[in-house]
N, C-alpha and C. Protein backbone atom coordinates (compact mmCIF):
# COMPACT_ATOMS: atom_id res chain seq x y z
N MET A 1 -14.35 15.08 3.47
CA MET A 1 -13.43 14.15 3.25
C MET A 1 -12.45 13.96 4.07
N ALA A 2 -11.45 12.94 3.33
CA ALA A 2 -10.35 12.41 4.67
C ALA A 2 -9.30 12.91 3.81
N ARG A 3 -7.33 13.01 4.40
CA ARG A 3 -6.79 13.69 3.78
C ARG A 3 -6.15 11.94 4.45
N LEU A 4 -4.69 11.31 3.32
CA LEU A 4 -4.30 10.06 2.78
C LEU A 4 -3.08 10.73 2.74
N LEU A 5 -2.57 9.55 2.81
CA LEU A 5 -0.69 9.61 3.52
C LEU A 5 -0.58 8.06 2.65
N LEU A 6 -0.03 8.67 0.72
CA LEU A 6 0.63 7.05 -0.02
C LEU A 6 2.26 6.99 -0.15
N LEU A 7 2.71 6.07 0.22
CA LEU A 7 3.31 5.47 0.59
C LEU A 7 4.28 4.79 -0.99
N ALA A 8 5.17 5.36 -1.40
CA ALA A 8 5.82 5.47 -3.03
C ALA A 8 7.02 5.20 -2.80
N GLY A 9 7.78 4.28 -3.88
CA GLY A 9 9.17 4.03 -4.24
C GLY A 9 9.62 3.65 -4.98
N ASP A 10 10.57 3.72 -5.69
CA ASP A 10 10.85 3.61 -7.26
C ASP A 10 10.61 1.96 -8.03
N PHE A 11 9.85 1.80 -8.65
CA PHE A 11 8.77 0.42 -9.02
C PHE A 11 8.26 0.11 -8.21
N VAL A 12 7.26 0.49 -7.93
CA VAL A 12 5.59 0.75 -6.36
C VAL A 12 5.48 -0.23 -7.98
N GLU A 13 3.91 -0.59 -8.14
CA GLU A 13 3.16 -1.36 -9.10
C GLU A 13 2.29 0.12 -9.52
N ASP A 14 2.71 -0.33 -10.98
CA ASP A 14 2.39 0.96 -11.50
C ASP A 14 0.43 1.27 -11.49
N TYR A 15 -0.38 0.37 -11.44
CA TYR A 15 -1.80 0.62 -11.69
C TYR A 15 -2.20 0.26 -10.09
N GLU A 16 -0.85 -0.44 -9.09
CA GLU A 16 -1.31 -0.14 -7.55
C GLU A 16 -1.31 1.45 -7.25
N ILE A 17 -0.41 2.42 -7.74
CA ILE A 17 -0.36 3.81 -7.08
C ILE A 17 -0.94 5.08 -8.05
N MET A 18 -1.26 4.41 -9.18
CA MET A 18 -2.32 5.21 -10.49
C MET A 18 -3.30 5.34 -9.82
N VAL A 19 -4.19 4.27 -9.69
CA VAL A 19 -5.48 4.04 -9.68
C VAL A 19 -5.96 3.94 -8.66
N PRO A 20 -5.43 4.36 -7.07
CA PRO A 20 -5.58 4.45 -6.47
C PRO A 20 -5.78 5.79 -5.77
N PHE A 21 -4.54 6.44 -6.58
CA PHE A 21 -4.37 8.15 -6.02
C PHE A 21 -5.60 8.96 -7.32
N GLN A 22 -5.72 8.27 -8.19
CA GLN A 22 -7.00 8.98 -8.80
C GLN A 22 -7.89 9.00 -8.34
N ALA A 23 -8.54 7.54 -7.39
CA ALA A 23 -10.17 7.27 -7.46
C ALA A 23 -10.44 7.71 -5.84
N LEU A 24 -9.17 7.53 -5.93
CA LEU A 24 -9.44 8.05 -3.81
C LEU A 24 -9.79 9.70 -4.03
N GLN A 25 -8.89 10.44 -4.88
CA GLN A 25 -9.11 11.91 -5.05
C GLN A 25 -10.25 12.28 -5.64
N ALA A 26 -10.76 10.91 -6.84
CA ALA A 26 -12.28 11.49 -7.63
C ALA A 26 -13.57 11.02 -6.25
N MET A 27 -13.64 9.84 -5.19
CA MET A 27 -14.21 10.32 -4.20
C MET A 27 -14.16 11.79 -3.36
N GLY A 28 -13.30 12.52 -3.47
CA GLY A 28 -13.43 13.42 -2.77
C GLY A 28 -12.78 13.67 -1.59
N HIS A 29 -11.26 12.36 -1.63
CA HIS A 29 -10.56 12.60 -0.71
C HIS A 29 -9.12 13.36 -0.87
N ARG A 30 -8.56 14.14 -0.22
CA ARG A 30 -6.86 14.15 -0.23
C ARG A 30 -6.08 13.26 -0.23
N VAL A 31 -5.24 12.98 -1.64
CA VAL A 31 -4.62 12.17 -1.72
C VAL A 31 -2.70 12.50 -1.25
N ASP A 32 -1.78 12.49 -0.54
CA ASP A 32 -0.54 13.12 -0.88
C ASP A 32 0.67 12.00 -0.98
N ALA A 33 1.40 12.26 -2.07
CA ALA A 33 2.26 10.99 -2.30
C ALA A 33 3.73 11.33 -1.75
N VAL A 34 3.77 10.17 -1.53
CA VAL A 34 5.88 10.61 -1.04
C VAL A 34 6.46 9.94 -0.39
N CYS A 35 7.54 10.15 -0.95
CA CYS A 35 9.14 8.57 -0.86
C CYS A 35 10.52 9.47 -0.23
N PRO A 36 10.14 8.22 0.47
CA PRO A 36 11.25 9.22 1.59
C PRO A 36 12.78 9.62 0.57
N ASP A 37 13.55 10.68 0.77
CA ASP A 37 14.61 11.04 0.14
C ASP A 37 13.83 11.61 -1.24
N LYS A 38 12.80 12.16 -1.20
CA LYS A 38 12.74 12.91 -2.22
C LYS A 38 11.31 13.73 -2.06
N LYS A 39 11.32 14.89 -2.77
CA LYS A 39 10.65 15.87 -2.51
C LYS A 39 9.41 16.24 -3.65
N GLU A 40 8.76 16.86 -3.53
CA GLU A 40 7.40 17.53 -4.36
C GLU A 40 7.93 17.36 -5.78
N GLY A 41 7.33 17.13 -6.54
CA GLY A 41 7.54 17.43 -8.03
C GLY A 41 8.25 16.09 -8.27
N ASP A 42 9.59 15.48 -7.60
CA ASP A 42 10.46 13.96 -8.35
C ASP A 42 9.50 12.99 -8.35
N LYS A 43 9.86 12.55 -9.18
CA LYS A 43 9.26 11.29 -9.75
C LYS A 43 9.51 10.01 -9.47
N VAL A 44 8.71 8.68 -8.87
CA VAL A 44 9.27 7.61 -9.29
C VAL A 44 9.53 6.98 -10.11
N LYS A 45 9.98 5.54 -10.25
CA LYS A 45 9.61 4.84 -12.06
C LYS A 45 8.70 3.76 -11.07
N THR A 46 7.88 3.39 -12.19
CA THR A 46 6.57 2.21 -11.92
C THR A 46 7.09 1.35 -12.36
N ALA A 47 6.78 -0.13 -12.17
CA ALA A 47 6.50 -1.18 -13.14
C ALA A 47 5.00 -1.67 -13.10
N ILE A 48 4.76 -2.33 -14.28
CA ILE A 48 3.26 -2.94 -14.44
C ILE A 48 3.61 -4.60 -14.14
N HIS A 49 3.43 -5.22 -13.39
CA HIS A 49 2.94 -6.51 -13.42
C HIS A 49 1.74 -7.05 -13.54
N ASP A 50 2.10 -8.21 -14.34
CA ASP A 50 0.41 -8.86 -14.79
C ASP A 50 0.22 -10.01 -14.89
N PHE A 51 -0.45 -11.00 -15.38
CA PHE A 51 -0.62 -12.25 -15.06
C PHE A 51 -0.37 -13.00 -15.91
N GLU A 52 0.53 -13.53 -16.97
CA GLU A 52 0.32 -13.80 -17.92
C GLU A 52 0.02 -15.27 -18.55
N GLY A 53 -0.50 -16.29 -17.49
CA GLY A 53 -0.37 -18.06 -17.45
C GLY A 53 1.05 -18.29 -16.57
N ASP A 54 2.27 -17.43 -16.91
CA ASP A 54 3.50 -18.10 -15.51
C ASP A 54 3.12 -18.10 -14.09
N GLN A 55 4.60 -18.60 -13.67
CA GLN A 55 4.35 -19.35 -12.39
C GLN A 55 4.22 -18.01 -11.34
N THR A 56 4.37 -17.02 -11.92
CA THR A 56 4.49 -15.20 -10.66
C THR A 56 3.83 -14.53 -12.35
N TYR A 57 4.13 -13.16 -11.58
CA TYR A 57 3.88 -12.04 -12.53
C TYR A 57 4.99 -11.65 -13.70
N THR A 58 4.77 -11.24 -14.38
CA THR A 58 5.12 -10.28 -15.16
C THR A 58 5.89 -9.15 -15.21
N GLU A 59 6.88 -9.08 -15.36
CA GLU A 59 7.03 -6.43 -14.84
C GLU A 59 7.70 -6.40 -16.10
N LYS A 60 7.17 -5.12 -16.51
CA LYS A 60 7.81 -4.34 -17.50
C LYS A 60 8.03 -3.00 -16.95
N ALA A 61 8.35 -2.54 -17.32
CA ALA A 61 8.37 -0.38 -17.01
C ALA A 61 7.29 -0.33 -17.25
N GLY A 62 6.59 0.48 -16.43
CA GLY A 62 5.43 1.48 -16.15
C GLY A 62 5.96 2.72 -16.80
N HIS A 63 5.09 4.02 -15.88
CA HIS A 63 5.00 5.29 -16.24
C HIS A 63 6.02 6.15 -15.16
N LEU A 64 6.48 7.15 -15.19
CA LEU A 64 6.59 7.98 -14.41
C LEU A 64 6.08 8.61 -13.50
N PHE A 65 5.63 8.64 -11.82
CA PHE A 65 4.87 9.26 -11.11
C PHE A 65 5.14 9.93 -10.61
N ALA A 66 4.57 11.07 -10.61
CA ALA A 66 4.84 12.24 -9.82
C ALA A 66 4.43 12.67 -8.74
N LEU A 67 5.78 12.57 -7.53
CA LEU A 67 4.76 13.05 -5.81
C LEU A 67 4.42 14.16 -5.68
N ASN A 68 3.06 14.64 -4.98
CA ASN A 68 2.77 15.53 -5.15
C ASN A 68 2.87 16.30 -3.35
N GLU A 69 4.19 15.86 -2.53
CA GLU A 69 4.28 16.11 -1.47
C GLU A 69 5.75 15.44 -1.10
N THR A 70 6.23 16.55 0.00
CA THR A 70 7.61 15.99 0.30
C THR A 70 8.13 14.96 1.67
N PHE A 71 8.42 14.45 1.64
CA PHE A 71 8.64 12.78 2.45
C PHE A 71 8.93 13.65 3.95
N ALA A 72 10.13 14.40 3.85
CA ALA A 72 10.92 14.46 4.92
C ALA A 72 9.75 15.63 6.15
N ASP A 73 8.47 16.25 4.51
CA ASP A 73 7.48 17.58 5.60
C ASP A 73 7.13 17.59 6.14
N ILE A 74 6.49 15.89 5.73
CA ILE A 74 4.50 15.51 6.68
C ILE A 74 5.11 15.35 7.45
N THR A 75 3.64 15.48 8.35
CA THR A 75 2.96 15.91 10.06
C THR A 75 2.02 14.72 10.10
N LEU A 76 2.83 13.30 10.76
CA LEU A 76 1.63 12.34 10.48
C LEU A 76 0.43 12.29 10.99
N ALA A 77 0.23 12.90 11.71
CA ALA A 77 -1.07 14.23 12.79
C ALA A 77 -2.07 14.43 11.67
N ASP A 78 -2.10 15.13 10.33
CA ASP A 78 -2.81 15.47 10.18
C ASP A 78 -3.41 14.28 9.02
N TYR A 79 -3.02 12.94 8.60
CA TYR A 79 -3.37 12.53 7.90
C TYR A 79 -4.56 11.59 8.77
N ASP A 80 -5.69 11.22 8.11
CA ASP A 80 -6.42 9.51 8.20
C ASP A 80 -6.88 8.54 8.05
N ALA A 81 -5.85 8.06 7.16
CA ALA A 81 -5.02 6.94 6.42
C ALA A 81 -3.80 6.95 5.70
N LEU A 82 -3.09 5.52 5.44
CA LEU A 82 -2.43 5.42 5.13
C LEU A 82 -2.81 3.87 4.09
N VAL A 83 -2.20 4.05 2.55
CA VAL A 83 -2.40 3.70 1.93
C VAL A 83 -1.38 3.40 1.52
N ILE A 84 -0.42 1.92 1.20
CA ILE A 84 0.92 1.53 1.24
C ILE A 84 0.34 0.31 -0.42
N PRO A 85 0.73 0.76 -1.79
CA PRO A 85 1.01 0.19 -2.61
C PRO A 85 1.80 -0.76 -2.51
N GLY A 86 1.72 -1.66 -3.62
CA GLY A 86 2.76 -2.64 -4.24
C GLY A 86 4.03 -2.43 -4.86
N GLY A 87 4.04 -3.81 -5.40
CA GLY A 87 5.92 -3.96 -6.31
C GLY A 87 6.60 -4.33 -5.79
N ARG A 88 7.84 -3.65 -5.73
CA ARG A 88 8.95 -3.41 -5.67
C ARG A 88 9.36 -3.13 -4.30
N ALA A 89 8.62 -1.61 -4.39
CA ALA A 89 9.05 -0.73 -4.16
C ALA A 89 8.46 -1.39 -2.38
N PRO A 90 8.28 -1.65 -1.41
CA PRO A 90 8.21 -1.98 -0.35
C PRO A 90 9.25 -3.30 0.04
N GLU A 91 9.44 -4.22 -0.88
CA GLU A 91 11.45 -4.72 -0.66
C GLU A 91 12.09 -3.85 0.38
N TYR A 92 11.89 -3.24 -0.39
CA TYR A 92 13.13 -2.36 0.40
C TYR A 92 12.94 -0.83 0.93
N LEU A 93 11.89 -0.47 0.83
CA LEU A 93 11.09 0.79 1.86
C LEU A 93 11.03 0.01 3.01
N ARG A 94 11.06 -1.11 3.15
CA ARG A 94 11.21 -1.88 4.97
C ARG A 94 12.45 -1.89 5.30
N LEU A 95 13.57 -0.76 5.10
CA LEU A 95 14.51 -1.47 5.72
C LEU A 95 14.29 0.34 5.77
N ASP A 96 13.84 0.68 5.59
CA ASP A 96 13.77 2.68 6.26
C ASP A 96 12.83 2.70 7.63
N GLU A 97 13.79 2.54 8.49
CA GLU A 97 12.87 2.54 9.98
C GLU A 97 12.22 4.13 10.26
N ARG A 98 12.35 5.31 9.74
CA ARG A 98 11.64 6.46 9.14
C ARG A 98 9.64 5.69 8.70
N VAL A 99 10.23 5.11 7.86
CA VAL A 99 9.12 4.67 6.89
C VAL A 99 7.98 3.63 8.09
N LEU A 100 8.90 2.47 8.30
CA LEU A 100 8.23 1.63 9.40
C LEU A 100 7.67 2.32 10.65
N GLU A 101 8.09 3.56 10.57
CA GLU A 101 8.06 4.38 12.01
C GLU A 101 6.25 5.33 11.83
N VAL A 102 6.56 5.19 10.21
CA VAL A 102 5.09 5.93 9.57
C VAL A 102 4.01 5.14 9.51
N VAL A 103 4.37 3.54 9.40
CA VAL A 103 3.36 2.21 9.43
C VAL A 103 2.90 2.77 10.77
N ARG A 104 3.88 2.63 11.61
CA ARG A 104 3.56 2.07 13.23
C ARG A 104 2.59 3.38 13.58
N HIS A 105 2.99 4.23 13.16
CA HIS A 105 1.81 5.52 13.95
C HIS A 105 0.36 5.27 12.91
N PHE A 106 -0.24 4.85 11.84
CA PHE A 106 -0.98 4.44 11.82
C PHE A 106 -2.38 3.58 12.85
N VAL A 107 -1.39 2.28 12.66
CA VAL A 107 -1.71 1.30 13.19
C VAL A 107 -1.67 1.77 15.51
N ASP A 108 -0.98 2.17 15.64
CA ASP A 108 -0.68 2.82 16.92
C ASP A 108 -1.74 3.58 16.91
N SER A 109 -2.39 4.33 15.70
CA SER A 109 -3.11 5.50 15.79
C SER A 109 -4.81 5.25 15.87
N GLU A 110 -4.20 3.94 15.96
CA GLU A 110 -6.26 3.14 14.96
C GLU A 110 -6.38 4.01 13.81
N LYS A 111 -5.75 3.93 12.46
CA LYS A 111 -6.24 4.97 11.62
C LYS A 111 -5.89 3.39 10.74
N PRO A 112 -7.14 3.88 9.65
CA PRO A 112 -7.52 2.93 8.53
C PRO A 112 -5.87 2.93 7.95
N VAL A 113 -5.41 1.51 7.43
CA VAL A 113 -4.43 1.37 6.47
C VAL A 113 -4.79 0.07 5.51
N ALA A 114 -4.47 0.60 4.07
CA ALA A 114 -4.44 -0.10 3.35
C ALA A 114 -3.58 -0.82 2.26
N ALA A 115 -3.36 -2.06 2.42
CA ALA A 115 -2.13 -2.36 1.23
C ALA A 115 -2.48 -3.21 0.71
N VAL A 116 -2.37 -3.21 -1.03
CA VAL A 116 -2.63 -4.43 -2.02
C VAL A 116 -0.79 -4.61 -2.08
N CYS A 117 -1.71 -6.28 -2.47
CA CYS A 117 0.41 -6.88 -3.14
C CYS A 117 1.56 -7.23 -2.09
N HIS A 118 2.34 -6.21 -2.39
CA HIS A 118 3.14 -6.60 -1.78
C HIS A 118 3.78 -5.22 -0.58
N GLY A 119 2.57 -5.02 -0.27
CA GLY A 119 2.22 -3.59 0.50
C GLY A 119 1.99 -4.44 2.00
N ALA A 120 1.59 -5.59 1.91
CA ALA A 120 2.21 -6.48 2.91
C ALA A 120 3.47 -6.73 3.98
N GLN A 121 4.39 -6.67 2.87
CA GLN A 121 5.47 -6.13 3.29
C GLN A 121 5.76 -5.75 4.58
N LEU A 122 5.38 -3.81 4.11
CA LEU A 122 5.46 -3.43 4.93
C LEU A 122 4.63 -3.26 6.59
N LEU A 123 4.05 -3.80 6.10
CA LEU A 123 3.20 -4.33 7.59
C LEU A 123 3.89 -5.51 8.53
N ALA A 124 4.45 -5.97 7.74
CA ALA A 124 5.00 -7.09 8.48
C ALA A 124 5.98 -7.07 9.13
N ALA A 125 7.38 -6.03 8.46
CA ALA A 125 8.14 -5.40 8.61
C ALA A 125 8.24 -4.21 10.03
N ALA A 126 6.69 -3.43 9.98
CA ALA A 126 6.95 -2.78 11.15
C ALA A 126 6.25 -3.49 12.43
N VAL A 127 5.24 -4.13 12.19
CA VAL A 127 4.03 -4.52 13.38
C VAL A 127 3.91 -5.77 13.48
N SER A 128 3.54 -6.67 14.50
CA SER A 128 3.15 -7.84 14.61
C SER A 128 1.05 -7.59 13.80
N LEU A 129 1.33 -8.59 12.97
CA LEU A 129 -0.18 -8.98 12.57
C LEU A 129 -0.83 -10.00 13.75
N SER A 130 -0.45 -9.89 14.71
CA SER A 130 -1.04 -10.97 15.39
C SER A 130 -2.54 -11.07 15.37
N GLY A 131 -3.25 -11.13 15.22
CA GLY A 131 -4.74 -11.46 15.54
C GLY A 131 -5.99 -10.99 14.09
N HIS A 132 -4.90 -10.73 12.93
CA HIS A 132 -5.26 -9.47 12.16
C HIS A 132 -5.34 -11.20 10.52
N ARG A 133 -6.12 -11.11 9.72
CA ARG A 133 -6.16 -11.58 8.86
C ARG A 133 -6.00 -10.80 7.52
N ILE A 134 -5.10 -11.28 6.95
CA ILE A 134 -4.26 -10.45 5.94
C ILE A 134 -4.03 -11.02 4.92
N SER A 135 -4.72 -9.93 3.20
CA SER A 135 -4.35 -10.41 2.29
C SER A 135 -3.13 -10.13 1.70
N ALA A 136 -2.71 -10.67 0.28
CA ALA A 136 -1.32 -10.05 -0.37
C ALA A 136 -1.24 -10.89 -1.23
N TYR A 137 -0.39 -10.96 -2.30
CA TYR A 137 -0.24 -11.64 -3.29
C TYR A 137 0.75 -12.71 -2.58
N PRO A 138 0.61 -13.75 -2.91
CA PRO A 138 0.56 -15.55 -2.72
C PRO A 138 2.09 -14.89 -2.32
N ALA A 139 3.03 -14.92 -2.91
CA ALA A 139 4.39 -14.51 -2.26
C ALA A 139 4.80 -14.08 -0.72
N CYS A 140 3.97 -13.12 -0.23
CA CYS A 140 3.93 -12.75 0.61
C CYS A 140 3.52 -13.86 1.92
N ALA A 141 3.30 -15.00 1.48
CA ALA A 141 2.28 -14.65 2.81
C ALA A 141 3.20 -15.52 4.33
N PRO A 142 4.52 -15.76 3.44
CA PRO A 142 5.51 -16.53 4.59
C PRO A 142 5.39 -14.92 5.35
N GLU A 143 5.81 -14.21 4.90
CA GLU A 143 5.92 -13.01 5.87
C GLU A 143 4.67 -12.86 6.87
N VAL A 144 3.38 -12.55 6.76
CA VAL A 144 2.79 -12.73 6.73
C VAL A 144 2.38 -13.25 7.94
N ARG A 145 2.72 -14.60 7.71
CA ARG A 145 2.87 -15.50 8.28
C ARG A 145 3.42 -15.05 10.31
N LEU A 146 4.93 -14.83 9.53
CA LEU A 146 6.38 -15.35 10.39
C LEU A 146 5.80 -13.79 11.24
N ALA A 147 5.01 -12.57 10.62
CA ALA A 147 4.02 -11.26 11.50
C ALA A 147 2.96 -11.31 12.77
N GLY A 148 2.56 -13.32 12.63
CA GLY A 148 1.77 -13.34 13.32
C GLY A 148 0.34 -13.14 12.83
N GLY A 149 0.26 -12.90 11.49
CA GLY A 149 -1.08 -12.99 11.01
C GLY A 149 -1.65 -13.84 10.20
N GLU A 150 -3.09 -13.80 10.14
CA GLU A 150 -3.74 -15.28 9.44
C GLU A 150 -3.99 -14.70 7.71
N PHE A 151 -3.07 -15.30 7.21
CA PHE A 151 -2.73 -14.95 5.70
C PHE A 151 -3.92 -15.43 4.77
N VAL A 152 -4.61 -14.93 4.10
CA VAL A 152 -5.89 -15.23 3.15
C VAL A 152 -6.15 -14.91 2.22
N ASP A 153 -5.84 -16.51 1.69
CA ASP A 153 -5.84 -16.56 0.17
C ASP A 153 -7.46 -16.05 -0.16
N ILE A 154 -7.36 -15.75 -0.96
CA ILE A 154 -8.90 -14.90 -1.54
C ILE A 154 -8.32 -14.40 -3.45
N GLU A 155 -10.26 -14.34 -3.70
CA GLU A 155 -9.66 -14.37 -5.52
C GLU A 155 -8.85 -13.72 -5.87
N VAL A 156 -7.83 -13.40 -6.61
CA VAL A 156 -7.17 -11.47 -7.15
C VAL A 156 -8.64 -10.36 -7.05
N THR A 157 -9.67 -10.52 -7.21
CA THR A 157 -10.90 -9.24 -7.33
C THR A 157 -11.24 -9.08 -5.95
N ASP A 158 -10.83 -9.56 -4.89
CA ASP A 158 -11.15 -9.60 -3.58
C ASP A 158 -10.43 -8.99 -2.57
N ALA A 159 -11.26 -8.46 -1.72
CA ALA A 159 -10.21 -7.29 -0.60
C ALA A 159 -11.13 -8.17 0.47
N ILE A 160 -10.14 -8.07 1.87
CA ILE A 160 -10.87 -8.19 3.29
C ILE A 160 -10.36 -7.29 4.06
N THR A 161 -11.47 -7.00 4.90
CA THR A 161 -10.84 -5.65 6.06
C THR A 161 -10.91 -6.49 7.45
N CYS A 162 -10.11 -6.44 8.10
CA CYS A 162 -9.98 -6.96 9.68
C CYS A 162 -9.28 -5.42 10.11
N GLY A 163 -10.33 -5.15 11.29
CA GLY A 163 -10.26 -4.22 11.92
C GLY A 163 -9.74 -3.01 11.08
N LYS A 164 -8.62 -2.25 11.13
CA LYS A 164 -8.20 -0.77 10.46
C LYS A 164 -7.31 -1.49 9.19
N PHE A 165 -7.07 -3.02 9.19
CA PHE A 165 -6.60 -3.04 8.16
C PHE A 165 -7.86 -3.20 6.30
N VAL A 166 -6.84 -2.64 5.87
CA VAL A 166 -7.77 -3.47 4.29
C VAL A 166 -6.43 -3.85 3.35
N THR A 167 -6.82 -5.25 3.42
CA THR A 167 -5.65 -5.75 2.22
C THR A 167 -6.63 -6.55 1.18
N ALA A 168 -5.45 -6.57 -0.25
CA ALA A 168 -6.01 -7.65 -1.23
C ALA A 168 -4.84 -8.12 -1.91
N PRO A 169 -4.96 -9.15 -3.05
CA PRO A 169 -3.83 -9.68 -2.93
C PRO A 169 -3.55 -8.97 -4.34
N ALA A 170 -3.70 -8.32 -5.10
CA ALA A 170 -3.51 -7.39 -6.61
C ALA A 170 -4.46 -6.48 -6.74
N TRP A 171 -3.55 -5.24 -7.88
CA TRP A 171 -4.41 -4.89 -8.68
C TRP A 171 -5.62 -4.97 -9.11
N PRO A 172 -6.18 -6.46 -9.87
CA PRO A 172 -7.29 -6.44 -9.69
C PRO A 172 -8.30 -6.33 -8.76
N ALA A 173 -7.93 -6.34 -7.57
CA ALA A 173 -8.80 -6.06 -6.28
C ALA A 173 -9.28 -4.40 -6.29
N HIS A 174 -8.72 -3.70 -6.72
CA HIS A 174 -8.92 -2.40 -7.02
C HIS A 174 -10.57 -1.75 -6.55
N PRO A 175 -11.34 -2.83 -7.47
CA PRO A 175 -13.18 -1.45 -6.81
C PRO A 175 -13.03 -2.49 -5.61
N GLU A 176 -13.26 -3.36 -5.08
CA GLU A 176 -13.64 -4.33 -3.88
C GLU A 176 -12.64 -2.91 -2.27
N TRP A 177 -11.35 -3.30 -2.52
CA TRP A 177 -10.40 -2.75 -1.93
C TRP A 177 -10.58 -1.27 -1.71
N LEU A 178 -10.49 -0.96 -2.72
CA LEU A 178 -10.87 1.05 -2.54
C LEU A 178 -12.23 1.03 -2.17
N ARG A 179 -13.83 0.33 -2.18
CA ARG A 179 -15.00 1.06 -1.67
C ARG A 179 -14.79 0.01 -0.02
N GLN A 180 -13.89 -1.03 0.11
CA GLN A 180 -14.05 -1.17 1.56
C GLN A 180 -12.69 0.26 2.36
N LEU A 181 -11.90 0.42 2.03
CA LEU A 181 -11.28 1.33 2.55
C LEU A 181 -11.67 2.78 2.73
N ASN A 182 -12.74 2.92 1.97
CA ASN A 182 -13.73 4.15 1.87
C ASN A 182 -14.57 4.12 3.09
N GLU A 183 -15.01 3.19 2.86
CA GLU A 183 -16.29 2.35 4.38
C GLU A 183 -15.34 2.81 5.35
N LEU A 184 -13.91 2.45 5.75
CA LEU A 184 -13.56 2.43 6.74
C LEU A 184 -13.13 4.44 7.10
N LEU A 185 -13.29 4.75 6.03
CA LEU A 185 -12.70 6.40 5.84
C LEU A 185 -14.59 7.19 6.55
């Protein structure tokens, strides 16, 4: 089975970190969750985003998510794929050059990169998306396009694989998003 790196940060979307972390382990993969400036055993705060009929999602306090590895100690060559959950975290993680280097490593090494929802913000900040069809939460469409990608507006329960990228609009796509990532692994 594969060894996966999962990027976290405070106010990551609760379902988008909890569900993949647990489901990928249940599939037999090793998943190492890390956050810049935090160590194994530290926690990140999560936020729950829901679709309740408003013009955009609502946000509520989520759970505390315990990291199981230390960001500063990871060796990128040890990992087979990268998982990027959404929520608020990608909006500020993309300002961290080391995080961008992590994303570039996986893309340059042609290893699978799975991003959901606002995770596309990290992709767009780190690499050119030219020639790639990328899904994300619709509010991220301008960033995908500015990075040269084709934004694909799909059902919230769907995901798309384009090359080594597996992307989806939000957490309701977990079954399809995780299935497609598992196929690449």
